[in-house]
Amino acid sequence: MHPAWWTIALQTLNFAILVWLLHRFLYKPVLAVIDERKAEVRRQFEAAGAADEKAKAQLAALASERAGIAAEYEAALKAAADEAQAMAETLRAQAQHDAATLLDAGRRTLADERAAAFDEARLLALDLGTGFARKLLADIPLEARAEAWIGQIEAYLKGLPAATREALSRQLGEGAALTVVSASALPEAAQDGWRERLRRALAVGAPIAFAIDPDLIAGAELHFPDSILRFSWQSELAAARAGMTADAQPR
């Protein structure tokens, strides 16, 4: 049996035609579709990669921004804390200064009130002492008191410088009188003794009169025409009261 070469040739030709047709109308379009799909997939992959890079960049920017915000927040907190600390120190110092000022003012006020109370007590004691002195003197005989007073006055006049004593004596010239003022009336005998001793002490023969001033409490005053010599308790108490009042004045 001999092969049919023509048949083989025709079949081969048919197969070649079929392959060409498949390649022309099926394989090439399929390859084109596959290439197009591959290109689309590649474009989508690249787009996804770009989106991923963009997202990463945005995330990095957001993280940096959040870090900056956190740093600013920490800096703001620190600045606020420092300001609050400084304000607290200022307020504490001001409070301490105000407290010290108030305490010092309170101490000064207390000291002033204490001094005022003490001065008032001293003045009250002085007034009470004056009253007691009046009562005590009432129990001493007037003659004894008069002798003590004239003795004190006589000793004072004799102890004066000669120029001062002569100046007092000159005031009693040309009929001028010396007035002896006492807290209570002196007996006639005491008055005569006073006249003699005063004239001798002053080396004058001027007239000497007597007057009464109960406010003197005790002692006497010599009233010259131009001056007064005070030997009374009133003058001593007035000097003491003036000293207390001067001490009580604020400095």
Protein backbone atom coordinates (compact mmCIF):
# COMPACT_ATOMS: atom_id res chain seq x y z
CA MET A 1 0.00 0.00 0.00
CA HIS A 2 1.47 3.25 -1.16
CA PRO A 3 0.85 6.50 0.83
CA ALA A 4 -1.33 9.13 -0.76
CA TRP A 5 1.16 11.94 -1.08
CA TRP A 6 -1.37 14.29 -2.32
CA THR A 7 -3.54 13.57 0.57
CA ILE A 8 -0.65 14.18 2.95
CA ALA A 9 0.22 17.29 1.09
CA LEU A 10 -3.35 18.58 1.26
CA GLN A 11 -3.61 17.76 4.94
CA THR A 12 -0.32 19.49 5.56
CA LEU A 13 -1.54 22.50 3.64
CA ASN A 14 -4.82 22.45 5.54
CA PHE A 15 -2.93 22.26 8.82
CA ALA A 16 -0.68 25.14 7.81
CA ILE A 17 -3.70 27.16 6.76
CA LEU A 18 -5.38 26.30 10.08
CA VAL A 19 -2.30 27.30 12.02
CA TRP A 20 -2.07 30.57 10.10
CA LEU A 21 -5.74 31.26 10.65
CA LEU A 22 -5.43 30.48 14.36
CA HIS A 23 -2.34 32.64 14.59
CA ARG A 24 -3.93 35.43 12.58
CA PHE A 25 -7.34 35.57 14.10
CA LEU A 26 -6.99 33.94 17.53
CA TYR A 27 -3.46 33.84 18.93
CA LYS A 28 -2.45 37.39 18.05
CA PRO A 29 -5.66 38.99 19.49
CA VAL A 30 -5.32 36.84 22.58
CA LEU A 31 -1.70 37.89 22.94
CA ALA A 32 -2.74 41.52 22.41
CA VAL A 33 -5.42 41.17 25.10
CA ILE A 34 -2.92 39.50 27.40
CA ASP A 35 -0.35 42.22 26.76
CA GLU A 36 -2.99 44.88 27.36
CA ARG A 37 -4.07 43.21 30.61
CA LYS A 38 -0.46 42.88 31.66
CA ALA A 39 0.08 46.60 30.91
CA GLU A 40 -3.09 47.47 32.84
CA VAL A 41 -1.99 45.36 35.76
CA ARG A 42 1.45 47.01 35.58
CA ARG A 43 -0.16 50.48 35.51
CA GLN A 44 -2.39 49.58 38.46
CA PHE A 45 0.59 48.19 40.36
CA GLU A 46 2.60 51.33 39.66
CA ALA A 47 -0.38 53.49 40.68
CA ALA A 48 -0.73 51.45 43.85
CA GLY A 49 2.98 51.86 44.53
CA ALA A 50 2.74 55.62 43.96
CA ALA A 51 -0.30 55.79 46.26
CA ASP A 52 1.58 53.75 48.84
CA GLU A 53 4.57 56.10 48.61
CA LYS A 54 2.27 59.09 48.86
CA ALA A 55 0.53 57.56 51.86
CA LYS A 56 3.88 56.83 53.48
CA ALA A 57 4.99 60.42 52.80
CA GLN A 58 1.75 61.74 54.26
CA LEU A 59 2.15 59.46 57.28
CA ALA A 60 5.73 60.68 57.74
CA ALA A 61 4.60 64.32 57.44
CA LEU A 62 1.77 63.66 59.89
CA ALA A 63 4.17 61.99 62.32
CA SER A 64 6.59 64.91 61.99
CA GLU A 65 3.74 67.37 62.49
CA ARG A 66 2.52 65.43 65.52
CA ALA A 67 6.09 65.40 66.89
CA GLY A 68 6.29 69.15 66.33
CA ILE A 69 2.94 69.65 68.03
CA ALA A 70 4.05 67.46 70.92
CA ALA A 71 7.30 69.44 71.23
CA GLU A 72 5.39 72.72 71.14
CA TYR A 73 2.96 71.34 73.71
CA GLU A 74 5.81 70.31 75.98
CA ALA A 75 7.48 73.69 75.48
CA ALA A 76 4.19 75.47 76.23
CA LEU A 77 3.69 73.35 79.33
CA LYS A 78 7.24 74.07 80.50
CA ALA A 79 6.83 77.80 79.81
CA ALA A 80 3.51 77.82 81.67
CA ALA A 81 5.07 75.91 84.58
CA ASP A 82 8.03 78.30 84.70
CA GLU A 83 5.70 81.30 84.58
CA ALA A 84 3.51 79.81 87.30
CA GLN A 85 6.60 79.10 89.41
CA ALA A 86 7.87 82.64 88.92
CA MET A 87 4.45 84.05 89.75
CA ALA A 88 4.24 81.82 92.82
CA GLU A 89 7.68 83.01 93.96
CA THR A 90 6.63 86.63 93.39
CA LEU A 91 3.38 86.11 95.28
CA ARG A 92 5.21 84.30 98.07
CA ALA A 93 7.77 87.09 98.34
CA GLN A 94 5.01 89.71 98.26
CA ALA A 95 3.06 87.79 100.90
CA GLN A 96 6.14 87.52 103.09
CA HIS A 97 6.83 91.23 102.63
CA ASP A 98 3.20 92.12 103.41
CA ALA A 99 3.21 89.82 106.43
CA ALA A 100 6.46 91.34 107.67
CA THR A 101 5.07 94.84 107.10
CA LEU A 102 1.86 93.99 108.94
CA LEU A 103 3.80 92.33 111.73
CA ASP A 104 6.13 95.30 112.03
CA ALA A 105 3.19 97.71 111.95
CA GLY A 106 1.42 95.58 114.56
CA ARG A 107 4.52 95.60 116.74
CA ARG A 108 4.89 99.36 116.38
CA THR A 109 1.19 99.85 117.11
CA LEU A 110 1.45 97.56 120.12
CA ALA A 111 4.57 99.36 121.31
CA ASP A 112 2.87 102.74 120.81
CA GLU A 113 -0.24 101.57 122.61
CA ARG A 114 1.87 100.09 125.40
CA ALA A 115 3.87 103.33 125.67
CA ALA A 116 0.67 105.38 125.62
CA ALA A 117 -0.86 103.16 128.29
CA PHE A 118 2.32 103.41 130.35
CA ASP A 119 2.40 107.20 129.99
CA GLU A 120 -1.26 107.39 130.87
CA ALA A 121 -0.60 105.21 133.89
CA ARG A 122 2.32 107.44 134.88
CA LEU A 123 0.16 110.54 134.56
CA LEU A 124 -2.60 108.85 136.54
CA ALA A 125 -0.06 107.84 139.16
CA LEU A 126 1.17 111.42 139.21
CA ASP A 127 -2.37 112.70 139.74
CA LEU A 128 -3.01 110.10 142.43
CA GLY A 129 0.32 110.98 144.03
CA THR A 130 -0.70 114.61 144.07
CA GLY A 131 -3.89 113.75 145.89
CA PHE A 132 -2.04 111.57 148.39
CA ALA A 133 0.54 114.34 148.87
CA ARG A 134 -2.21 116.80 149.72
CA LYS A 135 -3.59 114.39 152.32
CA LEU A 136 -0.17 113.68 153.81
CA LEU A 137 0.71 117.35 154.01
CA ALA A 138 -2.51 118.03 155.82
CA ASP A 139 -1.20 115.89 158.68
CA ILE A 140 2.08 117.85 158.97
CA PRO A 141 1.92 121.03 161.09
CA LEU A 142 2.01 124.17 158.97
CA GLU A 143 4.85 125.65 161.02
CA ALA A 144 7.06 122.66 160.27
CA ARG A 145 6.25 122.88 156.57
CA ALA A 146 6.91 126.60 156.51
CA GLU A 147 10.28 126.14 158.15
CA ALA A 148 11.28 123.50 155.64
CA TRP A 149 10.24 125.67 152.71
CA ILE A 150 11.99 128.83 153.87
CA GLY A 151 15.10 126.80 154.59
CA GLN A 152 15.11 125.47 151.04
CA ILE A 153 14.50 128.93 149.56
CA GLU A 154 17.17 130.55 151.74
CA ALA A 155 19.73 127.93 150.77
CA TYR A 156 18.89 128.40 147.07
CA LEU A 157 19.26 132.19 147.24
CA LYS A 158 22.57 131.95 149.07
CA GLY A 159 23.85 129.47 146.50
CA LEU A 160 23.11 131.76 143.54
CA PRO A 161 26.00 133.51 141.80
CA ALA A 162 26.52 137.01 143.21
CA ALA A 163 25.58 138.65 139.89
CA THR A 164 22.28 136.72 139.71
CA ARG A 165 21.40 137.47 143.31
CA GLU A 166 22.19 141.19 142.81
CA ALA A 167 19.98 141.24 139.69
CA LEU A 168 17.08 139.91 141.77
CA SER A 169 17.77 142.47 144.47
CA ARG A 170 17.77 145.32 141.94
CA GLN A 171 14.23 144.39 140.95
CA LEU A 172 13.13 145.31 144.48
CA GLY A 173 14.47 148.85 144.36
CA GLU A 174 12.41 152.06 144.41
CA GLY A 175 9.67 150.65 146.63
CA ALA A 176 8.95 147.50 144.57
CA ALA A 177 7.56 144.65 146.63
CA LEU A 178 8.32 140.93 146.72
CA THR A 179 5.27 138.65 146.94
CA VAL A 180 5.54 135.25 148.60
CA VAL A 181 2.82 132.91 147.27
CA SER A 182 2.20 129.75 149.31
CA ALA A 183 -0.29 126.90 149.09
CA SER A 184 -1.83 127.82 152.42
CA ALA A 185 -1.80 130.88 154.64
CA LEU A 186 1.33 131.20 156.78
CA PRO A 187 0.95 132.14 160.45
CA GLU A 188 1.92 135.71 161.35
CA ALA A 189 4.99 134.53 163.20
CA ALA A 190 6.09 132.48 160.17
CA GLN A 191 5.52 135.47 157.87
CA ASP A 192 7.70 137.67 160.08
CA GLY A 193 10.44 135.04 160.07
CA TRP A 194 10.23 134.72 156.27
CA ARG A 195 10.48 138.51 155.79
CA GLU A 196 13.61 138.71 157.94
CA ARG A 197 15.36 135.77 156.31
CA LEU A 198 14.48 136.77 152.75
CA ARG A 199 15.64 140.37 153.25
CA ARG A 200 18.89 139.08 154.73
CA ALA A 201 19.41 136.57 151.90
CA LEU A 202 18.71 139.22 149.23
CA ALA A 203 20.35 142.10 151.17
CA VAL A 204 17.31 144.33 150.65
CA GLY A 205 14.80 146.13 152.84
CA ALA A 206 11.93 145.97 150.36
CA PRO A 207 8.37 145.27 151.50
CA ILE A 208 7.35 141.59 151.33
CA ALA A 209 3.70 140.58 150.92
CA PHE A 210 2.08 137.17 151.19
CA ALA A 211 -0.57 135.52 148.98
CA ILE A 212 -2.24 132.10 148.76
CA ASP A 213 -2.55 129.72 145.77
CA PRO A 214 -3.90 126.26 146.75
CA ASP A 215 -2.82 124.85 143.38
CA LEU A 216 0.79 125.04 144.49
CA ILE A 217 0.05 121.97 146.68
CA ALA A 218 3.12 122.62 148.81
CA GLY A 219 6.08 124.98 148.87
CA ALA A 220 6.07 128.59 147.74
CA GLU A 221 6.90 130.96 144.91
CA LEU A 222 8.78 134.26 145.05
CA HIS A 223 7.17 136.74 142.68
CA PHE A 224 9.63 139.48 141.81
CA PRO A 225 8.52 142.38 139.61
CA ASP A 226 10.17 140.85 136.55
CA SER A 227 10.68 137.16 137.43
CA ILE A 228 9.35 134.27 139.50
CA LEU A 229 11.29 131.73 141.53
CA ARG A 230 9.29 128.53 141.95
CA PHE A 231 9.81 126.18 144.88
CA SER A 232 6.38 124.52 144.85
CA TRP A 233 5.32 120.98 144.24
CA GLN A 234 3.10 122.27 141.49
CA SER A 235 6.13 123.34 139.45
CA GLU A 236 7.85 120.00 140.07
CA LEU A 237 4.74 118.06 139.07
CA ALA A 238 4.26 120.27 136.01
CA ALA A 239 7.87 119.63 134.95
CA ALA A 240 7.38 115.89 135.47
CA ARG A 241 4.13 115.96 133.50
CA ALA A 242 5.79 117.95 130.70
CA GLY A 243 8.62 115.42 130.58
CA MET A 244 6.14 112.54 130.35
CA THR A 245 4.20 114.31 127.61
CA ALA A 246 7.41 114.97 125.67
CA ASP A 247 8.43 111.32 125.99
CA ALA A 248 5.01 110.26 124.72
CA GLN A 249 5.33 112.35 121.53
CA PRO A 250 6.08 110.23 118.41
CA ARG A 251 9.58 110.56 117.08
